[in-house]
Each structure stands twice: as structure tokens, then as C-alpha cells.
């Protein structure tokens, strides 16, 4: 009886693979007995370098998001504090 391996190159090319079969960052196949570096519980990486790149990308994205939210909150505070103005053309 021949047992087919759980994943081969053809499976990956056609989208039939388990999420632990390829690196989340570079999409490289994760070979059998090599270490898999995990991040946030469900993201596999082929190396510490790929994982670190993703960590830095996520941190930058979160920082931009916080800045955007902070700027929006500041704009809303300023609008509430400034007196209502009637545009000149409305007179």
C-alpha cells in the first residue's frame, strides 16, 4: 500500500495544502523535519528572520492605526471646543 505524503509541490501550486506547509511571509515550503517558527499562534515561518519581518510589519501597522485614531480624536475634540461658525456666504 502506497501512502501519499500530506503535501507535495503540486498540492501547494494548486492551493491544496495545510496552513503549516508554507511560510506566511515568503511562501517557501516548510520542509519535513525543519523548525517552524510560529507567531500569534497560527502564522508559520521558515526562519526567525521571516517571523521578525512580519512582527515589524505588524508593529508598524498598529502604530499607524493608533496615530490615525489619535488624530481623529483630536480633530473631534477641536470641533467640539470651537464655537459654531456661520460661513460668510450664508449671510
N, C-alpha and C. Protein backbone atom coordinates (compact mmCIF):
# COMPACT_ATOMS: atom_id res chain seq x y z
N UNK A 1 0.83 -1.18 0.00
CA UNK A 1 0.00 0.00 0.00
C UNK A 1 0.88 1.25 0.00
N UNK A 2 0.60 2.19 -0.89
CA UNK A 2 1.37 3.42 -1.01
C UNK A 2 0.63 4.55 -0.30
N UNK A 3 1.30 5.19 0.61
CA UNK A 3 0.71 6.33 1.31
C UNK A 3 1.25 7.62 0.70
N UNK A 4 0.36 8.46 0.30
CA UNK A 4 0.74 9.73 -0.30
C UNK A 4 1.13 10.70 0.81
N UNK A 5 2.24 11.44 0.63
CA UNK A 5 2.61 12.43 1.65
C UNK A 5 1.51 13.47 1.81
N UNK A 6 1.46 14.09 2.97
CA UNK A 6 0.39 15.05 3.24
C UNK A 6 0.44 16.26 2.33
N UNK A 7 1.59 16.56 1.80
CA UNK A 7 1.70 17.75 0.96
C UNK A 7 2.89 17.59 0.03
N UNK A 8 2.70 17.92 -1.23
CA UNK A 8 3.83 17.96 -2.15
C UNK A 8 3.76 19.26 -2.94
N UNK A 9 4.76 19.51 -3.80
CA UNK A 9 4.81 20.77 -4.54
C UNK A 9 3.57 20.99 -5.38
N UNK A 10 3.03 19.95 -5.98
CA UNK A 10 1.83 20.09 -6.81
C UNK A 10 0.64 20.55 -5.97
N UNK A 11 0.51 20.03 -4.77
CA UNK A 11 -0.58 20.45 -3.89
C UNK A 11 -0.49 21.94 -3.58
N UNK A 12 0.70 22.40 -3.27
CA UNK A 12 0.88 23.81 -2.92
C UNK A 12 0.59 24.69 -4.13
N UNK A 13 1.05 24.28 -5.30
CA UNK A 13 0.81 25.07 -6.51
C UNK A 13 -0.67 25.18 -6.83
N UNK A 14 -1.44 24.17 -6.50
CA UNK A 14 -2.87 24.18 -6.79
C UNK A 14 -3.71 24.59 -5.59
N UNK A 15 -3.07 25.07 -4.53
CA UNK A 15 -3.80 25.58 -3.39
C UNK A 15 -4.30 24.54 -2.42
N UNK A 16 -3.86 23.30 -2.54
CA UNK A 16 -4.29 22.24 -1.62
C UNK A 16 -3.18 21.98 -0.61
N UNK A 17 -3.21 22.70 0.47
CA UNK A 17 -2.18 22.50 1.48
C UNK A 17 -2.71 22.90 2.84
N UNK A 18 -2.02 22.44 3.83
CA UNK A 18 -2.32 22.78 5.22
C UNK A 18 -1.61 24.10 5.52
N UNK A 19 -2.14 24.90 6.41
CA UNK A 19 -1.55 26.21 6.67
C UNK A 19 -0.13 26.13 7.23
N UNK A 20 0.27 24.99 7.78
CA UNK A 20 1.64 24.85 8.30
C UNK A 20 2.62 24.35 7.24
N UNK A 21 2.20 24.28 5.99
CA UNK A 21 3.07 23.78 4.92
C UNK A 21 3.92 24.85 4.26
N UNK A 22 3.53 26.12 4.38
CA UNK A 22 4.29 27.19 3.74
C UNK A 22 4.51 28.35 4.70
N UNK A 23 5.62 29.05 4.48
CA UNK A 23 5.96 30.22 5.29
C UNK A 23 4.95 31.34 5.01
N UNK A 24 4.42 31.93 6.04
CA UNK A 24 3.43 33.01 5.92
C UNK A 24 4.02 34.22 5.20
N UNK A 25 5.32 34.46 5.37
CA UNK A 25 5.97 35.65 4.81
C UNK A 25 6.48 35.44 3.39
N UNK A 26 7.33 34.45 3.17
CA UNK A 26 7.98 34.28 1.87
C UNK A 26 7.35 33.19 1.01
N UNK A 27 6.38 32.47 1.56
CA UNK A 27 5.64 31.41 0.87
C UNK A 27 6.51 30.19 0.52
N UNK A 28 7.66 30.07 1.14
CA UNK A 28 8.54 28.92 0.91
C UNK A 28 7.96 27.70 1.61
N UNK A 29 8.11 26.53 0.97
CA UNK A 29 7.65 25.29 1.59
C UNK A 29 8.40 25.04 2.89
N UNK A 30 7.68 24.61 3.89
CA UNK A 30 8.29 24.24 5.16
C UNK A 30 8.57 22.75 5.11
N UNK A 31 9.85 22.41 5.04
CA UNK A 31 10.26 21.02 4.87
C UNK A 31 10.04 20.21 6.14
N UNK A 32 9.88 18.90 5.94
CA UNK A 32 9.57 17.93 6.98
C UNK A 32 10.11 18.14 8.37
N UNK A 33 11.40 17.94 8.60
CA UNK A 33 11.94 17.94 9.96
C UNK A 33 12.55 19.27 10.39
N UNK A 34 12.39 20.30 9.61
CA UNK A 34 12.96 21.60 9.97
C UNK A 34 12.06 22.31 10.97
N UNK A 35 12.66 23.23 11.69
CA UNK A 35 11.90 24.01 12.67
C UNK A 35 10.90 24.91 11.97
N UNK A 36 9.78 25.11 12.61
CA UNK A 36 8.78 26.07 12.16
C UNK A 36 8.68 27.12 13.25
N UNK A 37 8.82 28.37 12.86
CA UNK A 37 8.79 29.48 13.81
C UNK A 37 7.39 30.09 13.77
N UNK A 38 6.68 30.02 14.89
CA UNK A 38 5.29 30.47 14.94
C UNK A 38 5.20 31.89 15.50
N UNK A 39 4.14 32.58 15.08
CA UNK A 39 3.86 33.94 15.55
C UNK A 39 2.35 34.10 15.66
N UNK A 40 1.91 34.66 16.75
CA UNK A 40 0.49 34.88 17.03
C UNK A 40 -0.33 33.60 16.93
N UNK A 41 0.29 32.50 17.23
CA UNK A 41 -0.43 31.24 17.34
C UNK A 41 -0.73 30.50 16.07
N UNK A 42 -0.92 31.20 14.95
CA UNK A 42 -1.33 30.49 13.74
C UNK A 42 -0.57 30.90 12.48
N UNK A 43 0.53 31.63 12.63
CA UNK A 43 1.31 32.04 11.46
C UNK A 43 2.66 31.32 11.48
N UNK A 44 2.88 30.39 10.54
CA UNK A 44 4.15 29.66 10.48
C UNK A 44 5.18 30.40 9.63
N UNK A 45 6.44 30.33 10.05
CA UNK A 45 7.53 30.97 9.30
C UNK A 45 8.69 29.99 9.16
N UNK A 46 9.44 30.14 8.06
CA UNK A 46 10.55 29.24 7.79
C UNK A 46 11.80 29.60 8.59
N UNK A 47 11.88 30.84 9.05
CA UNK A 47 13.07 31.29 9.77
C UNK A 47 12.70 32.38 10.77
N UNK A 48 13.64 32.63 11.66
CA UNK A 48 13.43 33.73 12.61
C UNK A 48 13.38 35.06 11.88
N UNK A 49 14.13 35.17 10.78
CA UNK A 49 14.16 36.41 10.01
C UNK A 49 12.79 36.72 9.40
N UNK A 50 12.16 35.72 8.78
CA UNK A 50 10.82 35.93 8.21
C UNK A 50 9.83 36.31 9.30
N UNK A 51 9.90 35.63 10.43
CA UNK A 51 8.99 35.94 11.53
C UNK A 51 9.22 37.36 12.03
N UNK A 52 10.49 37.76 12.17
CA UNK A 52 10.81 39.11 12.65
C UNK A 52 10.31 40.17 11.67
N UNK A 53 10.44 39.93 10.37
CA UNK A 53 9.92 40.87 9.38
C UNK A 53 8.41 41.08 9.57
N UNK A 54 7.69 39.99 9.80
CA UNK A 54 6.24 40.09 9.98
C UNK A 54 5.91 40.83 11.28
N UNK A 55 6.67 40.57 12.33
CA UNK A 55 6.45 41.27 13.60
C UNK A 55 6.63 42.78 13.39
N UNK A 56 7.69 43.16 12.67
CA UNK A 56 7.94 44.58 12.43
C UNK A 56 6.85 45.21 11.56
N UNK A 57 6.38 44.49 10.56
CA UNK A 57 5.29 44.97 9.71
C UNK A 57 4.04 45.19 10.54
N UNK A 58 3.71 44.21 11.38
CA UNK A 58 2.52 44.32 12.23
C UNK A 58 2.63 45.48 13.22
N UNK A 59 3.81 45.65 13.81
CA UNK A 59 4.01 46.75 14.76
C UNK A 59 3.86 48.10 14.06
N UNK A 60 4.41 48.24 12.86
CA UNK A 60 4.29 49.49 12.11
C UNK A 60 2.83 49.76 11.76
N UNK A 61 2.11 48.73 11.35
CA UNK A 61 0.69 48.87 11.01
C UNK A 61 -0.11 49.30 12.25
N UNK A 62 0.16 48.69 13.39
CA UNK A 62 -0.54 49.04 14.62
C UNK A 62 -0.22 50.47 15.04
N UNK A 63 1.03 50.89 14.87
CA UNK A 63 1.43 52.25 15.21
C UNK A 63 0.70 53.26 14.32
N UNK A 64 0.63 52.99 13.01
CA UNK A 64 -0.09 53.88 12.09
C UNK A 64 -1.56 53.96 12.47
N UNK A 65 -2.13 52.83 12.84
CA UNK A 65 -3.54 52.79 13.22
C UNK A 65 -3.78 53.64 14.47
N UNK A 66 -2.91 53.53 15.45
CA UNK A 66 -3.04 54.32 16.67
C UNK A 66 -2.91 55.81 16.37
N UNK A 67 -1.98 56.17 15.47
CA UNK A 67 -1.80 57.57 15.11
C UNK A 67 -3.04 58.11 14.40
N UNK A 68 -3.61 57.31 13.53
CA UNK A 68 -4.81 57.73 12.80
C UNK A 68 -5.97 57.94 13.77
N UNK A 69 -6.16 57.01 14.68
CA UNK A 69 -7.23 57.12 15.67
C UNK A 69 -6.99 58.35 16.55
N UNK A 70 -5.75 58.55 16.98
CA UNK A 70 -5.43 59.70 17.83
C UNK A 70 -5.68 61.02 17.11
N UNK A 71 -5.30 61.10 15.84
CA UNK A 71 -5.53 62.33 15.06
C UNK A 71 -7.02 62.59 14.90
N UNK A 72 -7.79 61.56 14.66
CA UNK A 72 -9.24 61.71 14.50
C UNK A 72 -9.88 62.17 15.81
N UNK A 73 -9.44 61.61 16.92
CA UNK A 73 -9.98 62.02 18.23
C UNK A 73 -9.63 63.47 18.52
N UNK A 74 -8.42 63.88 18.18
CA UNK A 74 -8.01 65.26 18.40
C UNK A 74 -8.84 66.20 17.53
N UNK A 75 -9.09 65.84 16.28
CA UNK A 75 -9.90 66.66 15.38
C UNK A 75 -11.31 66.82 15.94
N UNK A 76 -11.88 65.72 16.45
CA UNK A 76 -13.23 65.78 17.01
C UNK A 76 -13.27 66.67 18.26
N UNK A 77 -12.24 66.59 19.10
CA UNK A 77 -12.19 67.45 20.29
C UNK A 77 -12.12 68.93 19.89
N UNK A 78 -11.32 69.22 18.88
CA UNK A 78 -11.19 70.61 18.43
C UNK A 78 -12.51 71.12 17.88
N UNK A 79 -13.23 70.28 17.16
CA UNK A 79 -14.52 70.70 16.61
C UNK A 79 -15.52 70.99 17.72
N UNK A 80 -15.50 70.20 18.77
CA UNK A 80 -16.42 70.40 19.89
C UNK A 80 -16.08 71.67 20.66
N UNK A 81 -14.80 71.99 20.76
CA UNK A 81 -14.36 73.14 21.53
C UNK A 81 -14.53 74.46 20.79
N UNK A 82 -14.42 74.45 19.48
CA UNK A 82 -14.51 75.71 18.73
C UNK A 82 -15.98 76.10 18.57
N UNK A 83 -16.25 77.41 18.67
CA UNK A 83 -17.64 77.85 18.53
C UNK A 83 -18.14 77.60 17.11
N UNK A 84 -19.44 77.40 17.01
CA UNK A 84 -20.04 77.18 15.70
C UNK A 84 -19.88 78.45 14.88
N UNK A 85 -19.46 78.28 13.66
CA UNK A 85 -19.25 79.43 12.79
C UNK A 85 -20.21 79.35 11.62
N UNK A 86 -20.73 80.49 11.28
CA UNK A 86 -21.62 80.56 10.12
C UNK A 86 -20.78 81.04 8.95
N UNK A 87 -20.78 80.30 7.85
CA UNK A 87 -19.98 80.72 6.70
C UNK A 87 -20.46 82.08 6.19
N UNK A 88 -19.53 82.87 5.66
CA UNK A 88 -19.84 84.21 5.16
C UNK A 88 -20.91 84.15 4.08
N UNK A 89 -20.84 83.17 3.22
CA UNK A 89 -21.79 83.08 2.11
C UNK A 89 -23.22 82.83 2.60
N UNK A 90 -23.39 82.39 3.86
CA UNK A 90 -24.72 82.07 4.39
C UNK A 90 -25.45 83.31 4.89
N UNK A 91 -24.83 84.44 4.92
CA UNK A 91 -25.46 85.66 5.45
C UNK A 91 -26.38 86.24 4.47
